[in-house]
Amino acid sequence: GAEKPEEYVVASGESHSVREFCSAAFKTAGFKLEWEGSGVGEKGIDSDSGKILVQVNPEFFRPIDTNSYIGNPSKAEYKLGWKRSVSFEDMVAKMTEHDIAEVCR
């Protein structure tokens, strides 16, 4: 533990795209996405049914942001001995399973 109160970043130190997040979430829900198109025309299509499950909506675009935000957990690792124990895929799976359980109750 820490001797005095300080701020720590608890993060993976990794960067993932929205596409990667969607692929992992839909995989947990039992779907395999195939990606078609690019930019505004990009779509994630269920490989079994051919149904579009996710697509880009320009309404939700953010202003151009050239910065890449990746949490740096080195201070927490060094001072607290903290190490991440959940992978990106496992975190997305837990989030997806929670949301599915909420919808199905």
PDB file of N, CA and C in Angstrom:
ATOM      1  N   GLY A   1       0.812  -1.186   0.000  1.00  0.00           N
ATOM      2  CA  GLY A   1       0.000   0.000   0.000  1.00  0.00           C
ATOM      3  C   GLY A   1       0.853   1.245   0.000  1.00  0.00           C
ATOM      4  N   ALA A   2       0.206   2.354  -0.237  1.00  0.00           N
ATOM      5  CA  ALA A   2       0.887   3.640  -0.304  1.00  0.00           C
ATOM      6  C   ALA A   2       1.029   4.225   1.095  1.00  0.00           C
ATOM      7  N   GLU A   3       2.130   4.934   1.319  1.00  0.00           N
ATOM      8  CA  GLU A   3       2.377   5.589   2.603  1.00  0.00           C
ATOM      9  C   GLU A   3       1.524   6.836   2.775  1.00  0.00           C
ATOM     10  N   LYS A   4       1.275   7.547   1.672  1.00  0.00           N
ATOM     11  CA  LYS A   4       0.467   8.763   1.728  1.00  0.00           C
ATOM     12  C   LYS A   4      -0.492   8.752   0.538  1.00  0.00           C
ATOM     13  N   PRO A   5      -1.609   9.459   0.658  1.00  0.00           N
ATOM     14  CA  PRO A   5      -2.564   9.496  -0.462  1.00  0.00           C
ATOM     15  C   PRO A   5      -1.938  10.125  -1.707  1.00  0.00           C
ATOM     16  N   GLU A   6      -2.136   9.486  -2.832  1.00  0.00           N
ATOM     17  CA  GLU A   6      -1.672   9.989  -4.122  1.00  0.00           C
ATOM     18  C   GLU A   6      -2.663   9.549  -5.185  1.00  0.00           C
ATOM     19  N   GLU A   7      -2.568  10.162  -6.355  1.00  0.00           N
ATOM     20  CA  GLU A   7      -3.392   9.741  -7.479  1.00  0.00           C
ATOM     21  C   GLU A   7      -2.645   8.689  -8.283  1.00  0.00           C
ATOM     22  N   TYR A   8      -3.366   7.641  -8.669  1.00  0.00           N
ATOM     23  CA  TYR A   8      -2.785   6.575  -9.460  1.00  0.00           C
ATOM     24  C   TYR A   8      -3.666   6.307 -10.663  1.00  0.00           C
ATOM     25  N   VAL A   9      -3.052   5.983 -11.778  1.00  0.00           N
ATOM     26  CA  VAL A   9      -3.785   5.577 -12.973  1.00  0.00           C
ATOM     27  C   VAL A   9      -3.818   4.056 -12.979  1.00  0.00           C
ATOM     28  N   VAL A  10      -5.017   3.507 -13.045  1.00  0.00           N
ATOM     29  CA  VAL A  10      -5.192   2.065 -13.152  1.00  0.00           C
ATOM     30  C   VAL A  10      -5.703   1.819 -14.569  1.00  0.00           C
ATOM     31  N   ALA A  11      -4.845   1.283 -15.412  1.00  0.00           N
ATOM     32  CA  ALA A  11      -5.171   1.139 -16.829  1.00  0.00           C
ATOM     33  C   ALA A  11      -4.391  -0.028 -17.419  1.00  0.00           C
ATOM     34  N   SER A  12      -4.766  -0.390 -18.629  1.00  0.00           N
ATOM     35  CA  SER A  12      -4.089  -1.491 -19.318  1.00  0.00           C
ATOM     36  C   SER A  12      -2.822  -1.044 -20.023  1.00  0.00           C
ATOM     37  N   GLY A  13      -2.734   0.237 -20.354  1.00  0.00           N
ATOM     38  CA  GLY A  13      -1.605   0.714 -21.142  1.00  0.00           C
ATOM     39  C   GLY A  13      -1.737   0.333 -22.609  1.00  0.00           C
ATOM     40  N   GLU A  14      -2.933  -0.080 -23.024  1.00  0.00           N
ATOM     41  CA  GLU A  14      -3.191  -0.505 -24.406  1.00  0.00           C
ATOM     42  C   GLU A  14      -4.214   0.421 -25.047  1.00  0.00           C
ATOM     43  N   SER A  15      -4.235   0.425 -26.371  1.00  0.00           N
ATOM     44  CA  SER A  15      -5.230   1.171 -27.131  1.00  0.00           C
ATOM     45  C   SER A  15      -6.004   0.191 -27.993  1.00  0.00           C
ATOM     46  N   HIS A  16      -7.327   0.319 -28.027  1.00  0.00           N
ATOM     47  CA  HIS A  16      -8.169  -0.555 -28.838  1.00  0.00           C
ATOM     48  C   HIS A  16      -9.182   0.280 -29.602  1.00  0.00           C
ATOM     49  N   SER A  17      -9.514  -0.161 -30.787  1.00  0.00           N
ATOM     50  CA  SER A  17     -10.469   0.553 -31.629  1.00  0.00           C
ATOM     51  C   SER A  17     -11.906   0.177 -31.270  1.00  0.00           C
ATOM     52  N   VAL A  18     -12.836   1.000 -31.728  1.00  0.00           N
ATOM     53  CA  VAL A  18     -14.258   0.688 -31.559  1.00  0.00           C
ATOM     54  C   VAL A  18     -14.575  -0.615 -32.280  1.00  0.00           C
ATOM     55  N   ARG A  19     -13.938  -0.831 -33.411  1.00  0.00           N
ATOM     56  CA  ARG A  19     -14.133  -2.071 -34.173  1.00  0.00           C
ATOM     57  C   ARG A  19     -13.731  -3.283 -33.324  1.00  0.00           C
ATOM     58  N   GLU A  20     -12.581  -3.213 -32.650  1.00  0.00           N
ATOM     59  CA  GLU A  20     -12.124  -4.315 -31.795  1.00  0.00           C
ATOM     60  C   GLU A  20     -13.102  -4.542 -30.648  1.00  0.00           C
ATOM     61  N   PHE A  21     -13.599  -3.447 -30.058  1.00  0.00           N
ATOM     62  CA  PHE A  21     -14.559  -3.565 -28.968  1.00  0.00           C
ATOM     63  C   PHE A  21     -15.829  -4.258 -29.458  1.00  0.00           C
ATOM     64  N   CYS A  22     -16.352  -3.821 -30.598  1.00  0.00           N
ATOM     65  CA  CYS A  22     -17.574  -4.424 -31.144  1.00  0.00           C
ATOM     66  C   CYS A  22     -17.367  -5.900 -31.459  1.00  0.00           C
ATOM     67  N   SER A  23     -16.254  -6.235 -32.077  1.00  0.00           N
ATOM     68  CA  SER A  23     -15.987  -7.642 -32.412  1.00  0.00           C
ATOM     69  C   SER A  23     -15.961  -8.503 -31.158  1.00  0.00           C
ATOM     70  N   ALA A  24     -15.305  -8.018 -30.106  1.00  0.00           N
ATOM     71  CA  ALA A  24     -15.225  -8.779 -28.855  1.00  0.00           C
ATOM     72  C   ALA A  24     -16.594  -8.902 -28.188  1.00  0.00           C
ATOM     73  N   ALA A  25     -17.370  -7.816 -28.181  1.00  0.00           N
ATOM     74  CA  ALA A  25     -18.695  -7.843 -27.548  1.00  0.00           C
ATOM     75  C   ALA A  25     -19.644  -8.778 -28.292  1.00  0.00           C
ATOM     76  N   PHE A  26     -19.682  -8.677 -29.604  1.00  0.00           N
ATOM     77  CA  PHE A  26     -20.577  -9.545 -30.370  1.00  0.00           C
ATOM     78  C   PHE A  26     -20.142 -11.004 -30.292  1.00  0.00           C
ATOM     79  N   LYS A  27     -18.832 -11.256 -30.209  1.00  0.00           N
ATOM     80  CA  LYS A  27     -18.346 -12.632 -30.043  1.00  0.00           C
ATOM     81  C   LYS A  27     -18.896 -13.220 -28.751  1.00  0.00           C
ATOM     82  N   THR A  28     -18.865 -12.442 -27.672  1.00  0.00           N
ATOM     83  CA  THR A  28     -19.402 -12.900 -26.390  1.00  0.00           C
ATOM     84  C   THR A  28     -20.889 -13.204 -26.499  1.00  0.00           C
ATOM     85  N   ALA A  29     -21.589 -12.406 -27.301  1.00  0.00           N
ATOM     86  CA  ALA A  29     -23.037 -12.598 -27.473  1.00  0.00           C
ATOM     87  C   ALA A  29     -23.355 -13.715 -28.473  1.00  0.00           C
ATOM     88  N   GLY A  30     -22.330 -14.325 -29.053  1.00  0.00           N
ATOM     89  CA  GLY A  30     -22.547 -15.471 -29.936  1.00  0.00           C
ATOM     90  C   GLY A  30     -22.582 -15.136 -31.416  1.00  0.00           C
ATOM     91  N   PHE A  31     -22.088 -13.964 -31.791  1.00  0.00           N
ATOM     92  CA  PHE A  31     -22.085 -13.556 -33.193  1.00  0.00           C
ATOM     93  C   PHE A  31     -20.648 -13.379 -33.679  1.00  0.00           C
ATOM     94  N   LYS A  32     -20.417 -13.710 -34.950  1.00  0.00           N
ATOM     95  CA  LYS A  32     -19.120 -13.434 -35.565  1.00  0.00           C
ATOM     96  C   LYS A  32     -19.338 -12.320 -36.578  1.00  0.00           C
ATOM     97  N   LEU A  33     -18.680 -11.184 -36.323  1.00  0.00           N
ATOM     98  CA  LEU A  33     -18.819 -10.062 -37.239  1.00  0.00           C
ATOM     99  C   LEU A  33     -17.828 -10.176 -38.377  1.00  0.00           C
ATOM    100  N   GLU A  34     -18.309  -9.861 -39.559  1.00  0.00           N
ATOM    101  CA  GLU A  34     -17.447  -9.671 -40.717  1.00  0.00           C
ATOM    102  C   GLU A  34     -17.569  -8.202 -41.072  1.00  0.00           C
ATOM    103  N   TRP A  35     -16.456  -7.536 -41.260  1.00  0.00           N
ATOM    104  CA  TRP A  35     -16.446  -6.097 -41.509  1.00  0.00           C
ATOM    105  C   TRP A  35     -16.377  -5.824 -42.996  1.00  0.00           C
ATOM    106  N   GLU A  36     -17.237  -4.899 -43.436  1.00  0.00           N
ATOM    107  CA  GLU A  36     -17.249  -4.481 -44.837  1.00  0.00           C
ATOM    108  C   GLU A  36     -17.217  -2.964 -44.890  1.00  0.00           C
ATOM    109  N   GLY A  37     -16.616  -2.443 -45.939  1.00  0.00           N
ATOM    110  CA  GLY A  37     -16.573  -1.008 -46.136  1.00  0.00           C
ATOM    111  C   GLY A  37     -15.523  -0.356 -45.262  1.00  0.00           C
ATOM    112  N   SER A  38     -15.479   0.961 -45.338  1.00  0.00           N
ATOM    113  CA  SER A  38     -14.543   1.713 -44.514  1.00  0.00           C
ATOM    114  C   SER A  38     -15.126   3.093 -44.252  1.00  0.00           C
ATOM    115  N   GLY A  39     -14.562   3.755 -43.278  1.00  0.00           N
ATOM    116  CA  GLY A  39     -15.036   5.096 -42.934  1.00  0.00           C
ATOM    117  C   GLY A  39     -16.511   5.093 -42.589  1.00  0.00           C
ATOM    118  N   VAL A  40     -17.246   6.057 -43.121  1.00  0.00           N
ATOM    119  CA  VAL A  40     -18.677   6.190 -42.836  1.00  0.00           C
ATOM    120  C   VAL A  40     -19.461   4.982 -43.329  1.00  0.00           C
ATOM    121  N   GLY A  41     -18.958   4.273 -44.325  1.00  0.00           N
ATOM    122  CA  GLY A  41     -19.668   3.127 -44.889  1.00  0.00           C
ATOM    123  C   GLY A  41     -19.336   1.799 -44.233  1.00  0.00           C
ATOM    124  N   GLU A  42     -18.570   1.811 -43.143  1.00  0.00           N
ATOM    125  CA  GLU A  42     -18.171   0.549 -42.506  1.00  0.00           C
ATOM    126  C   GLU A  42     -19.339  -0.087 -41.766  1.00  0.00           C
ATOM    127  N   LYS A  43     -19.474  -1.412 -41.933  1.00  0.00           N
ATOM    128  CA  LYS A  43     -20.549  -2.168 -41.290  1.00  0.00           C
ATOM    129  C   LYS A  43     -19.998  -3.480 -40.739  1.00  0.00           C
ATOM    130  N   GLY A  44     -20.543  -3.892 -39.579  1.00  0.00           N
ATOM    131  CA  GLY A  44     -20.253  -5.203 -39.013  1.00  0.00           C
ATOM    132  C   GLY A  44     -21.443  -6.099 -39.281  1.00  0.00           C
ATOM    133  N   ILE A  45     -21.227  -7.146 -40.047  1.00  0.00           N
ATOM    134  CA  ILE A  45     -22.309  -8.014 -40.507  1.00  0.00           C
ATOM    135  C   ILE A  45     -22.165  -9.396 -39.872  1.00  0.00           C
ATOM    136  N   ASP A  46     -23.304  -9.934 -39.380  1.00  0.00           N
ATOM    137  CA  ASP A  46     -23.315 -11.280 -38.808  1.00  0.00           C
ATOM    138  C   ASP A  46     -22.981 -12.277 -39.911  1.00  0.00           C
ATOM    139  N   SER A  47     -21.914 -13.046 -39.715  1.00  0.00           N
ATOM    140  CA  SER A  47     -21.462 -13.976 -40.753  1.00  0.00           C
ATOM    141  C   SER A  47     -22.476 -15.077 -41.035  1.00  0.00           C
ATOM    142  N   ASP A  48     -23.351 -15.405 -40.074  1.00  0.00           N
ATOM    143  CA  ASP A  48     -24.345 -16.463 -40.297  1.00  0.00           C
ATOM    144  C   ASP A  48     -25.581 -15.961 -41.033  1.00  0.00           C
ATOM    145  N   SER A  49     -26.140 -14.847 -40.598  1.00  0.00           N
ATOM    146  CA  SER A  49     -27.405 -14.365 -41.165  1.00  0.00           C
ATOM    147  C   SER A  49     -27.234 -13.319 -42.253  1.00  0.00           C
ATOM    148  N   GLY A  50     -26.078 -12.670 -42.305  1.00  0.00           N
ATOM    149  CA  GLY A  50     -25.883 -11.582 -43.259  1.00  0.00           C
ATOM    150  C   GLY A  50     -26.503 -10.272 -42.803  1.00  0.00           C
ATOM    151  N   LYS A  51     -27.072 -10.255 -41.603  1.00  0.00           N
ATOM    152  CA  LYS A  51     -27.725  -9.063 -41.065  1.00  0.00           C
ATOM    153  C   LYS A  51     -26.684  -8.068 -40.557  1.00  0.00           C
ATOM    154  N   ILE A  52     -26.909  -6.786 -40.834  1.00  0.00           N
ATOM    155  CA  ILE A  52     -26.027  -5.743 -40.317  1.00  0.00           C
ATOM    156  C   ILE A  52     -26.309  -5.594 -38.824  1.00  0.00           C
ATOM    157  N   LEU A  53     -25.281  -5.798 -37.997  1.00  0.00           N
ATOM    158  CA  LEU A  53     -25.432  -5.692 -36.547  1.00  0.00           C
ATOM    159  C   LEU A  53     -24.886  -4.380 -36.006  1.00  0.00           C
ATOM    160  N   VAL A  54     -23.937  -3.785 -36.702  1.00  0.00           N
ATOM    161  CA  VAL A  54     -23.362  -2.515 -36.253  1.00  0.00           C
ATOM    162  C   VAL A  54     -22.878  -1.747 -37.478  1.00  0.00           C
ATOM    163  N   GLN A  55     -23.114  -0.436 -37.449  1.00  0.00           N
ATOM    164  CA  GLN A  55     -22.620   0.398 -38.542  1.00  0.00           C
ATOM    165  C   GLN A  55     -22.294   1.785 -38.029  1.00  0.00           C
ATOM    166  N   VAL A  56     -21.497   2.490 -38.791  1.00  0.00           N
ATOM    167  CA  VAL A  56     -21.059   3.825 -38.418  1.00  0.00           C
ATOM    168  C   VAL A  56     -22.234   4.791 -38.531  1.00  0.00           C
ATOM    169  N   ASN A  57     -22.356   5.661 -37.524  1.00  0.00           N
ATOM    170  CA  ASN A  57     -23.377   6.715 -37.553  1.00  0.00           C
ATOM    171  C   ASN A  57     -22.661   8.052 -37.383  1.00  0.00           C
ATOM    172  N   PRO A  58     -22.589   8.857 -38.444  1.00  0.00           N
ATOM    173  CA  PRO A  58     -21.877  10.139 -38.373  1.00  0.00           C
ATOM    174  C   PRO A  58     -22.425  11.079 -37.293  1.00  0.00           C
ATOM    175  N   GLU A  59     -23.649  10.853 -36.858  1.00  0.00           N
ATOM    176  CA  GLU A  59     -24.253  11.679 -35.812  1.00  0.00           C
ATOM    177  C   GLU A  59     -23.433  11.642 -34.519  1.00  0.00           C
ATOM    178  N   PHE A  60     -22.718  10.554 -34.319  1.00  0.00           N
ATOM    179  CA  PHE A  60     -21.967  10.380 -33.081  1.00  0.00           C
ATOM    180  C   PHE A  60     -20.470  10.648 -33.244  1.00  0.00           C
ATOM    181  N   PHE A  61     -20.069  11.188 -34.387  1.00  0.00           N
ATOM    182  CA  PHE A  61     -18.662  11.544 -34.570  1.00  0.00           C
ATOM    183  C   PHE A  61     -18.271  12.625 -33.588  1.00  0.00           C
ATOM    184  N   ARG A  62     -17.058  12.519 -33.067  1.00  0.00           N
ATOM    185  CA  ARG A  62     -16.492  13.574 -32.224  1.00  0.00           C
ATOM    186  C   ARG A  62     -15.665  14.489 -33.112  1.00  0.00           C
ATOM    187  N   PRO A  63     -15.438  15.698 -32.639  1.00  0.00           N
ATOM    188  CA  PRO A  63     -14.517  16.555 -33.396  1.00  0.00           C
ATOM    189  C   PRO A  63     -13.180  15.844 -33.549  1.00  0.00           C
ATOM    190  N   ILE A  64     -12.464  16.169 -34.595  1.00  0.00           N
ATOM    191  CA  ILE A  64     -11.174  15.520 -34.840  1.00  0.00           C
ATOM    192  C   ILE A  64     -10.284  15.661 -33.609  1.00  0.00           C
ATOM    193  N   ASP A  65      -9.805  14.538 -33.162  1.00  0.00           N
ATOM    194  CA  ASP A  65      -8.953  14.490 -31.975  1.00  0.00           C
ATOM    195  C   ASP A  65      -7.690  13.745 -32.369  1.00  0.00           C
ATOM    196  N   THR A  66      -6.602  14.465 -32.480  1.00  0.00           N
ATOM    197  CA  THR A  66      -5.362  13.833 -32.932  1.00  0.00           C
ATOM    198  C   THR A  66      -4.602  13.162 -31.796  1.00  0.00           C
ATOM    199  N   ASN A  67      -5.039  13.367 -30.572  1.00  0.00           N
ATOM    200  CA  ASN A  67      -4.356  12.743 -29.442  1.00  0.00           C
ATOM    201  C   ASN A  67      -4.839  11.319 -29.243  1.00  0.00           C
ATOM    202  N   SER A  68      -3.948  10.459 -28.899  1.00  0.00           N
ATOM    203  CA  SER A  68      -4.290   9.088 -28.541  1.00  0.00           C
ATOM    204  C   SER A  68      -4.185   8.989 -27.026  1.00  0.00           C
ATOM    205  N   TYR A  69      -5.260   8.577 -26.399  1.00  0.00           N
ATOM    206  CA  TYR A  69      -5.275   8.507 -24.946  1.00  0.00           C
ATOM    207  C   TYR A  69      -5.086   7.066 -24.484  1.00  0.00           C
ATOM    208  N   ILE A  70      -3.955   6.821 -23.870  1.00  0.00           N
ATOM    209  CA  ILE A  70      -3.647   5.501 -23.344  1.00  0.00           C
ATOM    210  C   ILE A  70      -3.207   5.692 -21.902  1.00  0.00           C
ATOM    211  N   GLY A  71      -3.917   5.042 -20.987  1.00  0.00           N
ATOM    212  CA  GLY A  71      -3.565   5.151 -19.574  1.00  0.00           C
ATOM    213  C   GLY A  71      -2.212   4.531 -19.291  1.00  0.00           C
ATOM    214  N   ASN A  72      -1.420   5.203 -18.479  1.00  0.00           N
ATOM    215  CA  ASN A  72      -0.097   4.703 -18.115  1.00  0.00           C
ATOM    216  C   ASN A  72      -0.116   4.266 -16.649  1.00  0.00           C
ATOM    217  N   PRO A  73      -0.156   2.961 -16.402  1.00  0.00           N
ATOM    218  CA  PRO A  73      -0.251   2.459 -15.035  1.00  0.00           C
ATOM    219  C   PRO A  73       1.096   2.288 -14.321  1.00  0.00           C
ATOM    220  N   SER A  74       2.190   2.800 -14.885  1.00  0.00           N
ATOM    221  CA  SER A  74       3.516   2.500 -14.333  1.00  0.00           C
ATOM    222  C   SER A  74       3.675   2.945 -12.879  1.00  0.00           C
ATOM    223  N   LYS A  75       3.063   4.071 -12.489  1.00  0.00           N
ATOM    224  CA  LYS A  75       3.187   4.523 -11.098  1.00  0.00           C
ATOM    225  C   LYS A  75       2.502   3.531 -10.154  1.00  0.00           C
ATOM    226  N   ALA A  76       1.311   3.074 -10.506  1.00  0.00           N
ATOM    227  CA  ALA A  76       0.600   2.093  -9.668  1.00  0.00           C
ATOM    228  C   ALA A  76       1.354   0.766  -9.629  1.00  0.00           C
ATOM    229  N   GLU A  77       1.959   0.402 -10.740  1.00  0.00           N
ATOM    230  CA  GLU A  77       2.727  -0.839 -10.774  1.00  0.00           C
ATOM    231  C   GLU A  77       3.969  -0.732  -9.879  1.00  0.00           C
ATOM    232  N   TYR A  78       4.663   0.386  -9.994  1.00  0.00           N
ATOM    233  CA  TYR A  78       5.900   0.569  -9.243  1.00  0.00           C
ATOM    234  C   TYR A  78       5.653   0.789  -7.754  1.00  0.00           C
ATOM    235  N   LYS A  79       4.764   1.730  -7.426  1.00  0.00           N
ATOM    236  CA  LYS A  79       4.571   2.101  -6.018  1.00  0.00           C
ATOM    237  C   LYS A  79       3.647   1.167  -5.252  1.00  0.00           C
ATOM    238  N   LEU A  80       2.666   0.589  -5.938  1.00  0.00           N
ATOM    239  CA  LEU A  80       1.689  -0.263  -5.248  1.00  0.00           C
ATOM    240  C   LEU A  80       1.878  -1.753  -5.551  1.00  0.00           C
ATOM    241  N   GLY A  81       2.679  -2.058  -6.552  1.00  0.00           N
ATOM    242  CA  GLY A  81       2.821  -3.453  -6.954  1.00  0.00           C
ATOM    243  C   GLY A  81       1.596  -3.959  -7.694  1.00  0.00           C
ATOM    244  N   TRP A  82       0.771  -3.029  -8.201  1.00  0.00           N
ATOM    245  CA  TRP A  82      -0.459  -3.386  -8.906  1.00  0.00           C
ATOM    246  C   TRP A  82      -0.150  -3.923 -10.292  1.00  0.00           C
ATOM    247  N   LYS A  83      -0.829  -4.959 -10.676  1.00  0.00           N
ATOM    248  CA  LYS A  83      -0.731  -5.496 -12.036  1.00  0.00           C
ATOM    249  C   LYS A  83      -2.134  -5.788 -12.532  1.00  0.00           C
ATOM    250  N   ARG A  84      -2.376  -5.468 -13.760  1.00  0.00           N
ATOM    251  CA  ARG A  84      -3.677  -5.750 -14.364  1.00  0.00           C
ATOM    252  C   ARG A  84      -3.883  -7.256 -14.421  1.00  0.00           C
ATOM    253  N   SER A  85      -5.092  -7.698 -14.117  1.00  0.00           N
ATOM    254  CA  SER A  85      -5.359  -9.131 -14.105  1.00  0.00           C
ATOM    255  C   SER A  85      -6.437  -9.535 -15.111  1.00  0.00           C
ATOM    256  N   VAL A  86      -7.019  -8.562 -15.807  1.00  0.00           N
ATOM    257  CA  VAL A  86      -8.089  -8.846 -16.763  1.00  0.00           C
ATOM    258  C   VAL A  86      -7.659  -8.328 -18.136  1.00  0.00           C
ATOM    259  N   SER A  87      -7.732  -9.186 -19.144  1.00  0.00           N
ATOM    260  CA  SER A  87      -7.369  -8.780 -20.508  1.00  0.00           C
ATOM    261  C   SER A  87      -8.497  -7.936 -21.106  1.00  0.00           C
ATOM    262  N   PHE A  88      -8.206  -7.262 -22.206  1.00  0.00           N
ATOM    263  CA  PHE A  88      -9.216  -6.479 -22.921  1.00  0.00           C
ATOM    264  C   PHE A  88     -10.412  -7.357 -23.280  1.00  0.00           C
ATOM    265  N   GLU A  89     -10.146  -8.518 -23.855  1.00  0.00           N
ATOM    266  CA  GLU A  89     -11.221  -9.417 -24.285  1.00  0.00           C
ATOM    267  C   GLU A  89     -12.076  -9.861 -23.103  1.00  0.00           C
ATOM    268  N   ASP A  90     -11.436 -10.184 -21.974  1.00  0.00           N
ATOM    269  CA  ASP A  90     -12.187 -10.607 -20.792  1.00  0.00           C
ATOM    270  C   ASP A  90     -13.017  -9.464 -20.218  1.00  0.00           C
ATOM    271  N   MET A  91     -12.471  -8.236 -20.235  1.00  0.00           N
ATOM    272  CA  MET A  91     -13.216  -7.086 -19.731  1.00  0.00           C
ATOM    273  C   MET A  91     -14.454  -6.838 -20.586  1.00  0.00           C
ATOM    274  N   VAL A  92     -14.288  -6.885 -21.915  1.00  0.00           N
ATOM    275  CA  VAL A  92     -15.429  -6.678 -22.817  1.00  0.00           C
ATOM    276  C   VAL A  92     -16.449  -7.794 -22.613  1.00  0.00           C
ATOM    277  N   ALA A  93     -15.982  -9.025 -22.433  1.00  0.00           N
ATOM    278  CA  ALA A  93     -16.892 -10.153 -22.209  1.00  0.00           C
ATOM    279  C   ALA A  93     -17.697  -9.940 -20.932  1.00  0.00           C
ATOM    280  N   LYS A  94     -17.042  -9.514 -19.851  1.00  0.00           N
ATOM    281  CA  LYS A  94     -17.762  -9.271 -18.590  1.00  0.00           C
ATOM    282  C   LYS A  94     -18.790  -8.165 -18.748  1.00  0.00           C
ATOM    283  N   MET A  95     -18.434  -7.097 -19.445  1.00  0.00           N
ATOM    284  CA  MET A  95     -19.371  -5.995 -19.671  1.00  0.00           C
ATOM    285  C   MET A  95     -20.575  -6.467 -20.488  1.00  0.00           C
ATOM    286  N   THR A  96     -20.309  -7.244 -21.539  1.00  0.00           N
ATOM    287  CA  THR A  96     -21.367  -7.736 -22.422  1.00  0.00           C
ATOM    288  C   THR A  96     -22.275  -8.711 -21.673  1.00  0.00           C
ATOM    289  N   GLU A  97     -21.680  -9.632 -20.918  1.00  0.00           N
ATOM    290  CA  GLU A  97     -22.476 -10.595 -20.153  1.00  0.00           C
ATOM    291  C   GLU A  97     -23.369  -9.859 -19.141  1.00  0.00           C
ATOM    292  N   HIS A  98     -22.848  -8.820 -18.506  1.00  0.00           N
ATOM    293  CA  HIS A  98     -23.645  -8.036 -17.559  1.00  0.00           C
ATOM    294  C   HIS A  98     -24.823  -7.384 -18.271  1.00  0.00           C
ATOM    295  N   ASP A  99     -24.579  -6.761 -19.419  1.00  0.00           N
ATOM    296  CA  ASP A  99     -25.654  -6.101 -20.156  1.00  0.00           C
ATOM    297  C   ASP A  99     -26.703  -7.097 -20.631  1.00  0.00           C
ATOM    298  N   ILE A 100     -26.266  -8.276 -21.101  1.00  0.00           N
ATOM    299  CA  ILE A 100     -27.224  -9.289 -21.534  1.00  0.00           C
ATOM    300  C   ILE A 100     -28.082  -9.742 -20.355  1.00  0.00           C
ATOM    301  N   ALA A 101     -27.465  -9.947 -19.183  1.00  0.00           N
ATOM    302  CA  ALA A 101     -28.201 -10.349 -17.994  1.00  0.00           C
ATOM    303  C   ALA A 101     -29.211  -9.282 -17.590  1.00  0.00           C
ATOM    304  N   GLU A 102     -28.849  -8.010 -17.724  1.00  0.00           N
ATOM    305  CA  GLU A 102     -29.763  -6.913 -17.370  1.00  0.00           C
ATOM    306  C   GLU A 102     -30.970  -6.901 -18.289  1.00  0.00           C
ATOM    307  N   VAL A 103     -30.743  -7.113 -19.580  1.00  0.00           N
ATOM    308  CA  VAL A 103     -31.833  -7.099 -20.565  1.00  0.00           C
ATOM    309  C   VAL A 103     -32.758  -8.298 -20.371  1.00  0.00           C
ATOM    310  N   CYS A 104     -32.201  -9.418 -19.956  1.00  0.00           N
ATOM    311  CA  CYS A 104     -32.973 -10.671 -19.841  1.00  0.00           C
ATOM    312  C   CYS A 104     -33.647 -10.858 -18.495  1.00  0.00           C
ATOM    313  N   ARG A 105     -33.527  -9.897 -17.575  1.00  0.00           N
ATOM    314  CA  ARG A 105     -34.175 -10.139 -16.284  1.00  0.00           C
ATOM    315  C   ARG A 105     -35.601  -9.711 -16.285  1.00  0.00           C
TER     316      ARG A 105
END
